[in-house]
Amino acid sequence: MYVDNVYRGHLWKYTDITERSLKQDQLRKSEEKYRGIISNINLGLIEVDLNDKIRYVNQSFCFISGYSENELLGKNPNKLFLVDPVTLKKCRK
């Protein structure tokens, strides 16, 4: 730091990131727990995006459906599993 063009020392600024770091660690652990539960649950589960594309399937769903994960990802589940239009409309409400 200079005062009247004369060097007077350094100016340091520190920010305590302990709380933010702890929250990030808690979030990471929570996500790992969630992923573990979803991956190992005995119920078949798929995640479909707003464009009707499968984004995630757990192993139970693969076993139940007879498809592999690679065969399902990116596909439209309505076309794969022949959902009737009335049921599909009810599900979208």
N, C-alpha and C. Protein backbone atom coordinates (compact mmCIF):
# COMPACT_ATOMS: atom_id res chain seq x y z
N MET A 1 0.85 -1.15 0.00
CA MET A 1 0.00 0.00 0.00
C MET A 1 0.91 1.23 0.00
N TYR A 2 0.53 2.18 -0.83
CA TYR A 2 1.31 3.41 -0.94
C TYR A 2 0.49 4.59 -0.43
N VAL A 3 1.15 5.47 0.28
CA VAL A 3 0.55 6.72 0.73
C VAL A 3 1.49 7.83 0.28
N ASP A 4 0.97 8.76 -0.52
CA ASP A 4 1.79 9.85 -1.08
C ASP A 4 3.01 9.29 -1.81
N ASN A 5 2.78 8.24 -2.61
CA ASN A 5 3.83 7.58 -3.40
C ASN A 5 4.93 6.96 -2.55
N VAL A 6 4.65 6.72 -1.27
CA VAL A 6 5.62 6.07 -0.39
C VAL A 6 5.02 4.74 0.06
N TYR A 7 5.81 3.66 -0.12
CA TYR A 7 5.34 2.34 0.27
C TYR A 7 5.20 2.29 1.79
N ARG A 8 3.99 1.89 2.28
CA ARG A 8 3.72 1.85 3.72
C ARG A 8 3.43 0.44 4.23
N GLY A 9 3.23 -0.51 3.33
CA GLY A 9 2.95 -1.88 3.77
C GLY A 9 1.90 -2.54 2.89
N HIS A 10 1.52 -3.73 3.31
CA HIS A 10 0.53 -4.53 2.57
C HIS A 10 -0.85 -4.39 3.19
N LEU A 11 -1.84 -4.54 2.37
CA LEU A 11 -3.21 -4.59 2.84
C LEU A 11 -3.75 -5.96 2.45
N TRP A 12 -4.18 -6.73 3.44
CA TRP A 12 -4.67 -8.08 3.20
C TRP A 12 -6.15 -8.17 3.55
N LYS A 13 -6.85 -9.00 2.81
CA LYS A 13 -8.26 -9.24 3.11
C LYS A 13 -8.47 -10.75 3.11
N TYR A 14 -9.04 -11.24 4.20
CA TYR A 14 -9.31 -12.66 4.33
C TYR A 14 -10.81 -12.87 4.50
N THR A 15 -11.29 -13.97 3.97
CA THR A 15 -12.69 -14.34 4.13
C THR A 15 -12.75 -15.74 4.71
N ASP A 16 -13.49 -15.88 5.79
CA ASP A 16 -13.65 -17.20 6.41
C ASP A 16 -14.66 -17.99 5.59
N ILE A 17 -14.20 -19.08 4.98
CA ILE A 17 -15.09 -19.90 4.15
C ILE A 17 -15.47 -21.21 4.85
N THR A 18 -15.25 -21.27 6.15
CA THR A 18 -15.53 -22.49 6.90
C THR A 18 -16.98 -22.92 6.75
N GLU A 19 -17.91 -22.00 6.95
CA GLU A 19 -19.33 -22.34 6.89
C GLU A 19 -19.72 -22.81 5.48
N ARG A 20 -19.26 -22.10 4.47
CA ARG A 20 -19.57 -22.49 3.09
C ARG A 20 -18.99 -23.86 2.78
N SER A 21 -17.78 -24.10 3.22
CA SER A 21 -17.13 -25.39 2.99
C SER A 21 -17.88 -26.52 3.68
N LEU A 22 -18.34 -26.28 4.91
CA LEU A 22 -19.10 -27.30 5.63
C LEU A 22 -20.42 -27.60 4.93
N LYS A 23 -21.09 -26.56 4.43
CA LYS A 23 -22.36 -26.76 3.72
C LYS A 23 -22.14 -27.53 2.42
N GLN A 24 -21.07 -27.24 1.70
CA GLN A 24 -20.76 -27.97 0.48
C GLN A 24 -20.50 -29.44 0.79
N ASP A 25 -19.80 -29.71 1.88
CA ASP A 25 -19.52 -31.08 2.29
C ASP A 25 -20.81 -31.81 2.67
N GLN A 26 -21.70 -31.13 3.39
CA GLN A 26 -22.99 -31.73 3.75
C GLN A 26 -23.81 -32.03 2.51
N LEU A 27 -23.81 -31.12 1.55
CA LEU A 27 -24.55 -31.33 0.30
C LEU A 27 -23.99 -32.52 -0.47
N ARG A 28 -22.67 -32.61 -0.56
CA ARG A 28 -22.03 -33.73 -1.25
C ARG A 28 -22.41 -35.06 -0.61
N LYS A 29 -22.37 -35.12 0.73
CA LYS A 29 -22.73 -36.35 1.45
C LYS A 29 -24.20 -36.70 1.23
N SER A 30 -25.06 -35.69 1.24
CA SER A 30 -26.48 -35.91 1.02
C SER A 30 -26.73 -36.44 -0.40
N GLU A 31 -26.04 -35.88 -1.38
CA GLU A 31 -26.20 -36.35 -2.76
C GLU A 31 -25.71 -37.79 -2.91
N GLU A 32 -24.59 -38.12 -2.26
CA GLU A 32 -24.07 -39.49 -2.31
C GLU A 32 -25.06 -40.46 -1.68
N LYS A 33 -25.66 -40.06 -0.57
CA LYS A 33 -26.65 -40.90 0.10
C LYS A 33 -27.86 -41.11 -0.81
N TYR A 34 -28.35 -40.03 -1.41
CA TYR A 34 -29.49 -40.10 -2.32
C TYR A 34 -29.18 -41.03 -3.50
N ARG A 35 -28.02 -40.85 -4.11
CA ARG A 35 -27.64 -41.69 -5.25
C ARG A 35 -27.56 -43.16 -4.85
N GLY A 36 -27.02 -43.42 -3.67
CA GLY A 36 -26.92 -44.79 -3.18
C GLY A 36 -28.29 -45.42 -2.98
N ILE A 37 -29.20 -44.67 -2.40
CA ILE A 37 -30.56 -45.18 -2.16
C ILE A 37 -31.26 -45.45 -3.49
N ILE A 38 -31.22 -44.49 -4.39
CA ILE A 38 -31.89 -44.61 -5.68
C ILE A 38 -31.30 -45.75 -6.51
N SER A 39 -29.99 -45.89 -6.49
CA SER A 39 -29.34 -46.94 -7.27
C SER A 39 -29.67 -48.33 -6.76
N ASN A 40 -29.85 -48.47 -5.45
CA ASN A 40 -30.01 -49.79 -4.85
C ASN A 40 -31.43 -50.13 -4.44
N ILE A 41 -32.37 -49.25 -4.67
CA ILE A 41 -33.76 -49.50 -4.27
C ILE A 41 -34.32 -50.65 -5.12
N ASN A 42 -35.18 -51.45 -4.54
CA ASN A 42 -35.76 -52.59 -5.27
C ASN A 42 -36.90 -52.20 -6.20
N LEU A 43 -37.29 -50.96 -6.18
CA LEU A 43 -38.34 -50.46 -7.08
C LEU A 43 -37.69 -49.93 -8.35
N GLY A 44 -38.35 -50.18 -9.48
CA GLY A 44 -37.85 -49.64 -10.73
C GLY A 44 -38.08 -48.14 -10.79
N LEU A 45 -37.08 -47.40 -11.20
CA LEU A 45 -37.18 -45.94 -11.23
C LEU A 45 -36.55 -45.41 -12.50
N ILE A 46 -37.27 -44.50 -13.18
CA ILE A 46 -36.70 -43.79 -14.32
C ILE A 46 -36.90 -42.29 -14.10
N GLU A 47 -36.00 -41.52 -14.65
CA GLU A 47 -36.11 -40.06 -14.64
C GLU A 47 -36.26 -39.62 -16.10
N VAL A 48 -37.31 -38.87 -16.36
CA VAL A 48 -37.61 -38.41 -17.72
C VAL A 48 -37.57 -36.89 -17.73
N ASP A 49 -36.92 -36.31 -18.74
CA ASP A 49 -36.85 -34.85 -18.82
C ASP A 49 -38.11 -34.27 -19.48
N LEU A 50 -38.14 -32.96 -19.64
CA LEU A 50 -39.32 -32.28 -20.19
C LEU A 50 -39.54 -32.58 -21.67
N ASN A 51 -38.54 -33.15 -22.32
CA ASN A 51 -38.66 -33.52 -23.73
C ASN A 51 -39.02 -35.00 -23.90
N ASP A 52 -39.49 -35.61 -22.82
CA ASP A 52 -39.86 -37.03 -22.82
C ASP A 52 -38.70 -37.95 -23.19
N LYS A 53 -37.51 -37.62 -22.72
CA LYS A 53 -36.34 -38.46 -22.93
C LYS A 53 -35.90 -39.02 -21.58
N ILE A 54 -35.58 -40.30 -21.55
CA ILE A 54 -35.11 -40.93 -20.32
C ILE A 54 -33.70 -40.44 -20.03
N ARG A 55 -33.49 -39.89 -18.83
CA ARG A 55 -32.19 -39.37 -18.41
C ARG A 55 -31.50 -40.28 -17.39
N TYR A 56 -32.27 -41.08 -16.67
CA TYR A 56 -31.69 -41.97 -15.66
C TYR A 56 -32.60 -43.18 -15.49
N VAL A 57 -32.00 -44.34 -15.31
CA VAL A 57 -32.72 -45.56 -14.92
C VAL A 57 -31.89 -46.28 -13.87
N ASN A 58 -32.56 -46.85 -12.87
CA ASN A 58 -31.79 -47.66 -11.92
C ASN A 58 -31.79 -49.11 -12.39
N GLN A 59 -30.95 -49.92 -11.76
CA GLN A 59 -30.79 -51.31 -12.19
C GLN A 59 -32.07 -52.12 -12.03
N SER A 60 -32.85 -51.80 -11.02
CA SER A 60 -34.12 -52.52 -10.84
C SER A 60 -35.05 -52.30 -12.02
N PHE A 61 -35.09 -51.07 -12.53
CA PHE A 61 -35.93 -50.81 -13.70
C PHE A 61 -35.42 -51.58 -14.91
N CYS A 62 -34.12 -51.63 -15.08
CA CYS A 62 -33.55 -52.39 -16.20
C CYS A 62 -33.95 -53.86 -16.10
N PHE A 63 -33.87 -54.41 -14.90
CA PHE A 63 -34.24 -55.82 -14.69
C PHE A 63 -35.72 -56.04 -15.00
N ILE A 64 -36.57 -55.15 -14.49
CA ILE A 64 -38.02 -55.28 -14.69
C ILE A 64 -38.39 -55.14 -16.17
N SER A 65 -37.78 -54.18 -16.85
CA SER A 65 -38.15 -53.89 -18.24
C SER A 65 -37.48 -54.83 -19.24
N GLY A 66 -36.35 -55.42 -18.84
CA GLY A 66 -35.62 -56.28 -19.77
C GLY A 66 -34.69 -55.51 -20.69
N TYR A 67 -34.59 -54.20 -20.51
CA TYR A 67 -33.69 -53.37 -21.30
C TYR A 67 -32.43 -53.05 -20.49
N SER A 68 -31.33 -52.80 -21.19
CA SER A 68 -30.12 -52.33 -20.52
C SER A 68 -30.21 -50.82 -20.36
N GLU A 69 -29.36 -50.28 -19.51
CA GLU A 69 -29.33 -48.82 -19.31
C GLU A 69 -29.06 -48.11 -20.64
N ASN A 70 -28.10 -48.60 -21.41
CA ASN A 70 -27.76 -47.96 -22.69
C ASN A 70 -28.92 -48.01 -23.68
N GLU A 71 -29.73 -49.05 -23.63
CA GLU A 71 -30.88 -49.15 -24.52
C GLU A 71 -31.98 -48.15 -24.14
N LEU A 72 -32.03 -47.74 -22.89
CA LEU A 72 -33.09 -46.86 -22.40
C LEU A 72 -32.75 -45.38 -22.45
N LEU A 73 -31.51 -45.03 -22.13
CA LEU A 73 -31.13 -43.62 -22.04
C LEU A 73 -31.37 -42.89 -23.36
N GLY A 74 -32.04 -41.75 -23.27
CA GLY A 74 -32.32 -40.92 -24.44
C GLY A 74 -33.58 -41.30 -25.19
N LYS A 75 -34.20 -42.40 -24.80
CA LYS A 75 -35.41 -42.87 -25.49
C LYS A 75 -36.66 -42.26 -24.87
N ASN A 76 -37.75 -42.29 -25.64
CA ASN A 76 -39.05 -41.83 -25.16
C ASN A 76 -39.76 -43.02 -24.52
N PRO A 77 -40.02 -42.99 -23.21
CA PRO A 77 -40.63 -44.14 -22.55
C PRO A 77 -42.04 -44.44 -23.05
N ASN A 78 -42.75 -43.42 -23.52
CA ASN A 78 -44.11 -43.64 -24.03
C ASN A 78 -44.10 -44.52 -25.28
N LYS A 79 -43.05 -44.39 -26.08
CA LYS A 79 -42.94 -45.22 -27.28
C LYS A 79 -42.44 -46.62 -26.95
N LEU A 80 -41.59 -46.72 -25.94
CA LEU A 80 -41.07 -48.04 -25.55
C LEU A 80 -42.11 -48.90 -24.86
N PHE A 81 -42.94 -48.29 -24.04
CA PHE A 81 -43.83 -49.06 -23.18
C PHE A 81 -45.31 -48.90 -23.54
N LEU A 82 -45.62 -48.28 -24.67
CA LEU A 82 -46.98 -48.19 -25.19
C LEU A 82 -48.02 -47.77 -24.15
N VAL A 83 -47.84 -46.59 -23.61
CA VAL A 83 -48.79 -46.04 -22.65
C VAL A 83 -49.99 -45.50 -23.43
N ASP A 84 -51.19 -45.87 -23.01
CA ASP A 84 -52.36 -45.39 -23.74
C ASP A 84 -52.55 -43.89 -23.49
N PRO A 85 -53.10 -43.16 -24.46
CA PRO A 85 -53.20 -41.70 -24.38
C PRO A 85 -53.97 -41.18 -23.17
N VAL A 86 -55.00 -41.88 -22.73
CA VAL A 86 -55.80 -41.43 -21.58
C VAL A 86 -54.95 -41.47 -20.31
N THR A 87 -54.24 -42.57 -20.10
CA THR A 87 -53.37 -42.70 -18.92
C THR A 87 -52.25 -41.66 -18.97
N LEU A 88 -51.66 -41.48 -20.15
CA LEU A 88 -50.59 -40.50 -20.31
C LEU A 88 -51.07 -39.10 -19.96
N LYS A 89 -52.27 -38.74 -20.39
CA LYS A 89 -52.83 -37.41 -20.10
C LYS A 89 -53.02 -37.24 -18.60
N LYS A 90 -53.49 -38.27 -17.91
CA LYS A 90 -53.68 -38.21 -16.45
C LYS A 90 -52.35 -38.02 -15.74
N CYS A 91 -51.32 -38.70 -16.21
CA CYS A 91 -50.00 -38.61 -15.58
C CYS A 91 -49.38 -37.23 -15.73
N ARG A 92 -49.71 -36.55 -16.80
CA ARG A 92 -49.11 -35.24 -17.06
C ARG A 92 -49.79 -34.12 -16.30
N LYS A 93 -50.91 -34.40 -15.65
CA LYS A 93 -51.61 -33.35 -14.89
C LYS A 93 -50.90 -33.04 -13.62
